[in-house]
Amino acid sequence: MNGRDFGTQLRKGVVEGCVLAVVEREPTHGWELARVLQEHGLIGSVGTLYPVLTRLEKAGELASREVTAESGRRRRYYEITPAGRASLAQFTYQWQAFVGNVTAVLKESQ
């Protein structure tokens, strides 16, 4: 192997779908979302997440609201929209087909 990092390119292609999947479960604030994605090795740092959240919001797939905790700390919570649910369903379908195709090619080459 020549040292190429295929993982970086793979992560870039799936982060938006994974964000939608996490937020579909329940409204989630950015730090918690980053923790989940980092735990699964899908992002390197919190800073890489916020441009993704902005893109998803601009696309109408996420909505956000600010909540002030009793401590006075403000957090932005993200919720999936109907358009986001549709995109997540499409991502899930395409991902499953993609994984199946890649697996088949890899098996054939062994």
N, C-alpha and C. Protein backbone atom coordinates (compact mmCIF):
# COMPACT_ATOMS: atom_id res chain seq x y z
N MET A 1 0.86 -1.18 0.00
CA MET A 1 0.00 0.00 0.00
C MET A 1 0.90 1.23 0.00
N ASN A 2 0.48 2.27 -0.64
CA ASN A 2 1.31 3.46 -0.80
C ASN A 2 1.08 4.51 0.28
N GLY A 3 0.38 4.18 1.34
CA GLY A 3 0.18 5.14 2.42
C GLY A 3 -1.00 6.08 2.23
N ARG A 4 -1.78 5.89 1.17
CA ARG A 4 -2.95 6.77 0.96
C ARG A 4 -3.97 6.56 2.05
N ASP A 5 -4.61 7.64 2.44
CA ASP A 5 -5.63 7.58 3.48
C ASP A 5 -7.01 7.57 2.83
N PHE A 6 -7.52 6.39 2.53
CA PHE A 6 -8.85 6.26 1.94
C PHE A 6 -9.93 6.65 2.95
N GLY A 7 -9.64 6.50 4.23
CA GLY A 7 -10.62 6.79 5.28
C GLY A 7 -11.12 8.23 5.25
N THR A 8 -10.22 9.17 4.98
CA THR A 8 -10.63 10.58 4.95
C THR A 8 -11.69 10.81 3.88
N GLN A 9 -11.46 10.29 2.70
CA GLN A 9 -12.43 10.47 1.61
C GLN A 9 -13.75 9.75 1.91
N LEU A 10 -13.66 8.57 2.49
CA LEU A 10 -14.87 7.84 2.84
C LEU A 10 -15.69 8.60 3.88
N ARG A 11 -15.01 9.14 4.90
CA ARG A 11 -15.72 9.90 5.94
C ARG A 11 -16.41 11.12 5.35
N LYS A 12 -15.73 11.83 4.47
CA LYS A 12 -16.33 13.03 3.87
C LYS A 12 -17.64 12.70 3.17
N GLY A 13 -17.71 11.51 2.59
CA GLY A 13 -18.90 11.13 1.85
C GLY A 13 -20.08 10.71 2.70
N VAL A 14 -19.84 10.40 3.97
CA VAL A 14 -20.92 9.87 4.79
C VAL A 14 -21.30 10.72 5.99
N VAL A 15 -20.54 11.74 6.28
CA VAL A 15 -20.80 12.51 7.50
C VAL A 15 -22.20 13.13 7.51
N GLU A 16 -22.62 13.72 6.39
CA GLU A 16 -23.94 14.36 6.38
C GLU A 16 -25.04 13.35 6.68
N GLY A 17 -24.98 12.18 6.05
CA GLY A 17 -25.98 11.15 6.31
C GLY A 17 -25.97 10.69 7.75
N CYS A 18 -24.78 10.57 8.32
CA CYS A 18 -24.67 10.14 9.71
C CYS A 18 -25.19 11.21 10.67
N VAL A 19 -24.95 12.48 10.36
CA VAL A 19 -25.51 13.57 11.17
C VAL A 19 -27.03 13.46 11.18
N LEU A 20 -27.63 13.28 10.01
CA LEU A 20 -29.08 13.17 9.93
C LEU A 20 -29.58 11.97 10.74
N ALA A 21 -28.84 10.86 10.69
CA ALA A 21 -29.25 9.66 11.44
C ALA A 21 -29.22 9.90 12.94
N VAL A 22 -28.19 10.57 13.43
CA VAL A 22 -28.09 10.83 14.88
C VAL A 22 -29.20 11.79 15.31
N VAL A 23 -29.40 12.84 14.55
CA VAL A 23 -30.38 13.87 14.93
C VAL A 23 -31.81 13.34 14.77
N GLU A 24 -32.00 12.35 13.91
CA GLU A 24 -33.35 11.79 13.76
C GLU A 24 -33.82 11.15 15.06
N ARG A 25 -32.91 10.58 15.81
CA ARG A 25 -33.28 9.93 17.08
C ARG A 25 -33.87 10.90 18.08
N GLU A 26 -33.22 12.09 18.16
CA GLU A 26 -33.70 13.13 19.07
C GLU A 26 -32.95 14.43 18.77
N PRO A 27 -33.55 15.57 19.07
CA PRO A 27 -32.82 16.84 18.89
C PRO A 27 -31.51 16.77 19.67
N THR A 28 -30.46 17.24 19.06
CA THR A 28 -29.12 17.09 19.63
C THR A 28 -28.34 18.38 19.49
N HIS A 29 -27.58 18.76 20.52
CA HIS A 29 -26.75 19.95 20.41
C HIS A 29 -25.41 19.56 19.78
N GLY A 30 -24.72 20.56 19.26
CA GLY A 30 -23.52 20.34 18.48
C GLY A 30 -22.44 19.55 19.18
N TRP A 31 -22.18 19.85 20.45
CA TRP A 31 -21.11 19.14 21.16
C TRP A 31 -21.44 17.66 21.32
N GLU A 32 -22.69 17.35 21.63
CA GLU A 32 -23.09 15.94 21.77
C GLU A 32 -23.00 15.23 20.43
N LEU A 33 -23.43 15.89 19.39
CA LEU A 33 -23.35 15.33 18.05
C LEU A 33 -21.90 15.05 17.68
N ALA A 34 -21.03 16.00 17.97
CA ALA A 34 -19.59 15.82 17.69
C ALA A 34 -19.04 14.64 18.49
N ARG A 35 -19.45 14.50 19.74
CA ARG A 35 -18.96 13.40 20.57
C ARG A 35 -19.33 12.05 19.95
N VAL A 36 -20.59 11.92 19.52
CA VAL A 36 -21.05 10.66 18.92
C VAL A 36 -20.26 10.37 17.64
N LEU A 37 -20.10 11.37 16.79
CA LEU A 37 -19.40 11.15 15.53
C LEU A 37 -17.92 10.86 15.76
N GLN A 38 -17.30 11.53 16.73
CA GLN A 38 -15.90 11.26 17.04
C GLN A 38 -15.74 9.85 17.62
N GLU A 39 -16.67 9.45 18.45
CA GLU A 39 -16.64 8.12 19.07
C GLU A 39 -16.62 7.03 17.99
N HIS A 40 -17.28 7.30 16.89
CA HIS A 40 -17.35 6.33 15.79
C HIS A 40 -16.30 6.59 14.71
N GLY A 41 -15.41 7.54 14.96
CA GLY A 41 -14.33 7.81 14.03
C GLY A 41 -14.75 8.50 12.75
N LEU A 42 -15.88 9.22 12.79
CA LEU A 42 -16.41 9.84 11.57
C LEU A 42 -15.97 11.29 11.39
N ILE A 43 -15.53 11.95 12.45
CA ILE A 43 -14.96 13.29 12.33
C ILE A 43 -13.73 13.35 13.23
N GLY A 44 -12.82 14.25 12.86
CA GLY A 44 -11.61 14.40 13.66
C GLY A 44 -11.76 15.41 14.77
N SER A 45 -12.48 16.50 14.48
CA SER A 45 -12.62 17.55 15.49
C SER A 45 -13.99 18.19 15.39
N VAL A 46 -14.36 18.89 16.44
CA VAL A 46 -15.65 19.58 16.49
C VAL A 46 -15.73 20.61 15.36
N GLY A 47 -14.60 21.24 15.06
CA GLY A 47 -14.58 22.28 14.03
C GLY A 47 -15.00 21.79 12.66
N THR A 48 -14.82 20.51 12.38
CA THR A 48 -15.22 19.98 11.07
C THR A 48 -16.73 19.76 10.99
N LEU A 49 -17.39 19.71 12.14
CA LEU A 49 -18.83 19.44 12.16
C LEU A 49 -19.66 20.66 11.79
N TYR A 50 -19.28 21.83 12.25
CA TYR A 50 -20.15 23.00 12.09
C TYR A 50 -20.41 23.40 10.64
N PRO A 51 -19.45 23.29 9.73
CA PRO A 51 -19.79 23.56 8.33
C PRO A 51 -20.82 22.56 7.78
N VAL A 52 -20.76 21.33 8.24
CA VAL A 52 -21.74 20.32 7.83
C VAL A 52 -23.13 20.71 8.34
N LEU A 53 -23.22 21.11 9.60
CA LEU A 53 -24.50 21.53 10.16
C LEU A 53 -25.07 22.73 9.41
N THR A 54 -24.20 23.67 9.07
CA THR A 54 -24.63 24.86 8.31
C THR A 54 -25.18 24.44 6.95
N ARG A 55 -24.48 23.55 6.25
CA ARG A 55 -24.94 23.08 4.93
C ARG A 55 -26.29 22.40 5.04
N LEU A 56 -26.45 21.55 6.04
CA LEU A 56 -27.72 20.83 6.21
C LEU A 56 -28.86 21.78 6.55
N GLU A 57 -28.56 22.80 7.34
CA GLU A 57 -29.59 23.81 7.66
C GLU A 57 -29.98 24.60 6.42
N LYS A 58 -28.99 25.04 5.66
CA LYS A 58 -29.28 25.81 4.44
C LYS A 58 -30.07 24.98 3.43
N ALA A 59 -29.84 23.67 3.42
CA ALA A 59 -30.56 22.77 2.52
C ALA A 59 -31.97 22.46 3.03
N GLY A 60 -32.28 22.92 4.24
CA GLY A 60 -33.61 22.67 4.81
C GLY A 60 -33.77 21.28 5.41
N GLU A 61 -32.65 20.58 5.63
CA GLU A 61 -32.71 19.23 6.16
C GLU A 61 -32.60 19.19 7.68
N LEU A 62 -32.08 20.27 8.26
CA LEU A 62 -32.03 20.44 9.71
C LEU A 62 -32.62 21.80 10.06
N ALA A 63 -33.20 21.87 11.23
CA ALA A 63 -33.63 23.15 11.81
C ALA A 63 -32.92 23.24 13.16
N SER A 64 -32.68 24.46 13.60
CA SER A 64 -32.02 24.61 14.90
C SER A 64 -32.78 25.61 15.76
N ARG A 65 -32.58 25.46 17.05
CA ARG A 65 -33.16 26.40 18.02
C ARG A 65 -32.20 26.53 19.17
N GLU A 66 -32.17 27.72 19.75
CA GLU A 66 -31.31 27.95 20.90
C GLU A 66 -32.08 27.71 22.18
N VAL A 67 -31.43 27.03 23.10
CA VAL A 67 -32.03 26.73 24.40
C VAL A 67 -31.07 27.23 25.47
N THR A 68 -31.62 27.94 26.45
CA THR A 68 -30.81 28.41 27.57
C THR A 68 -31.05 27.51 28.76
N ALA A 69 -29.97 26.92 29.25
CA ALA A 69 -30.06 26.03 30.42
C ALA A 69 -30.20 26.86 31.69
N GLU A 70 -30.53 26.21 32.79
CA GLU A 70 -30.65 26.90 34.08
C GLU A 70 -29.36 27.60 34.45
N SER A 71 -28.24 27.05 34.01
CA SER A 71 -26.93 27.65 34.32
C SER A 71 -26.69 28.93 33.52
N GLY A 72 -27.57 29.20 32.55
CA GLY A 72 -27.41 30.37 31.71
C GLY A 72 -26.67 30.08 30.42
N ARG A 73 -26.13 28.89 30.30
CA ARG A 73 -25.41 28.51 29.08
C ARG A 73 -26.41 28.26 27.94
N ARG A 74 -26.09 28.81 26.79
CA ARG A 74 -26.97 28.65 25.63
C ARG A 74 -26.40 27.57 24.72
N ARG A 75 -27.29 26.72 24.24
CA ARG A 75 -26.90 25.66 23.32
C ARG A 75 -27.85 25.67 22.13
N ARG A 76 -27.31 25.36 20.99
CA ARG A 76 -28.11 25.25 19.78
C ARG A 76 -28.42 23.77 19.56
N TYR A 77 -29.70 23.46 19.52
CA TYR A 77 -30.15 22.09 19.28
C TYR A 77 -30.59 21.97 17.82
N TYR A 78 -30.24 20.84 17.23
CA TYR A 78 -30.58 20.57 15.83
C TYR A 78 -31.63 19.49 15.78
N GLU A 79 -32.62 19.71 14.89
CA GLU A 79 -33.70 18.75 14.69
C GLU A 79 -33.80 18.44 13.20
N ILE A 80 -34.17 17.22 12.90
CA ILE A 80 -34.33 16.84 11.50
C ILE A 80 -35.68 17.36 11.00
N THR A 81 -35.73 17.76 9.75
CA THR A 81 -36.96 18.23 9.12
C THR A 81 -37.51 17.13 8.22
N PRO A 82 -38.72 17.30 7.70
CA PRO A 82 -39.23 16.31 6.74
C PRO A 82 -38.29 16.13 5.54
N ALA A 83 -37.71 17.22 5.06
CA ALA A 83 -36.75 17.10 3.95
C ALA A 83 -35.52 16.30 4.39
N GLY A 84 -35.11 16.48 5.63
CA GLY A 84 -33.98 15.72 6.17
C GLY A 84 -34.30 14.24 6.29
N ARG A 85 -35.53 13.93 6.68
CA ARG A 85 -35.94 12.52 6.76
C ARG A 85 -35.91 11.87 5.38
N ALA A 86 -36.37 12.61 4.39
CA ALA A 86 -36.36 12.09 3.02
C ALA A 86 -34.91 11.87 2.55
N SER A 87 -34.04 12.81 2.85
CA SER A 87 -32.63 12.67 2.48
C SER A 87 -31.98 11.51 3.21
N LEU A 88 -32.32 11.33 4.47
CA LEU A 88 -31.77 10.21 5.24
C LEU A 88 -32.23 8.88 4.64
N ALA A 89 -33.48 8.78 4.26
CA ALA A 89 -33.98 7.54 3.64
C ALA A 89 -33.23 7.27 2.34
N GLN A 90 -33.01 8.30 1.55
CA GLN A 90 -32.29 8.14 0.29
C GLN A 90 -30.82 7.75 0.56
N PHE A 91 -30.19 8.41 1.52
CA PHE A 91 -28.81 8.09 1.89
C PHE A 91 -28.71 6.63 2.33
N THR A 92 -29.63 6.19 3.19
CA THR A 92 -29.61 4.83 3.71
C THR A 92 -29.73 3.81 2.58
N TYR A 93 -30.65 4.05 1.68
CA TYR A 93 -30.84 3.15 0.54
C TYR A 93 -29.59 3.10 -0.33
N GLN A 94 -29.06 4.26 -0.66
CA GLN A 94 -27.88 4.31 -1.52
C GLN A 94 -26.65 3.74 -0.81
N TRP A 95 -26.51 3.99 0.48
CA TRP A 95 -25.38 3.46 1.23
C TRP A 95 -25.40 1.93 1.23
N GLN A 96 -26.56 1.35 1.49
CA GLN A 96 -26.65 -0.10 1.54
C GLN A 96 -26.29 -0.72 0.18
N ALA A 97 -26.77 -0.10 -0.89
CA ALA A 97 -26.43 -0.59 -2.23
C ALA A 97 -24.93 -0.44 -2.49
N PHE A 98 -24.37 0.69 -2.10
CA PHE A 98 -22.94 0.97 -2.31
C PHE A 98 -22.08 -0.04 -1.57
N VAL A 99 -22.39 -0.27 -0.30
CA VAL A 99 -21.61 -1.22 0.50
C VAL A 99 -21.70 -2.61 -0.11
N GLY A 100 -22.87 -2.99 -0.55
CA GLY A 100 -23.03 -4.30 -1.18
C GLY A 100 -22.19 -4.42 -2.44
N ASN A 101 -22.18 -3.38 -3.25
CA ASN A 101 -21.39 -3.40 -4.49
C ASN A 101 -19.89 -3.44 -4.21
N VAL A 102 -19.43 -2.63 -3.27
CA VAL A 102 -18.01 -2.63 -2.93
C VAL A 102 -17.60 -3.98 -2.37
N THR A 103 -18.41 -4.54 -1.51
CA THR A 103 -18.12 -5.85 -0.92
C THR A 103 -18.02 -6.91 -2.01
N ALA A 104 -18.94 -6.86 -2.97
CA ALA A 104 -18.90 -7.83 -4.07
C ALA A 104 -17.62 -7.71 -4.89
N VAL A 105 -17.22 -6.49 -5.20
CA VAL A 105 -15.99 -6.28 -5.97
C VAL A 105 -14.78 -6.77 -5.19
N LEU A 106 -14.72 -6.46 -3.91
CA LEU A 106 -13.58 -6.89 -3.11
C LEU A 106 -13.51 -8.41 -3.02
N LYS A 107 -14.65 -9.06 -2.88
CA LYS A 107 -14.66 -10.53 -2.81
C LYS A 107 -14.21 -11.14 -4.13
N GLU A 108 -14.64 -10.54 -5.23
CA GLU A 108 -14.25 -11.06 -6.56
C GLU A 108 -12.76 -10.92 -6.81
N SER A 109 -12.13 -9.94 -6.20
CA SER A 109 -10.71 -9.70 -6.47
C SER A 109 -9.81 -10.55 -5.57
N GLN A 110 -10.38 -11.29 -4.65
CA GLN A 110 -9.55 -12.09 -3.74
C GLN A 110 -9.34 -13.48 -4.27
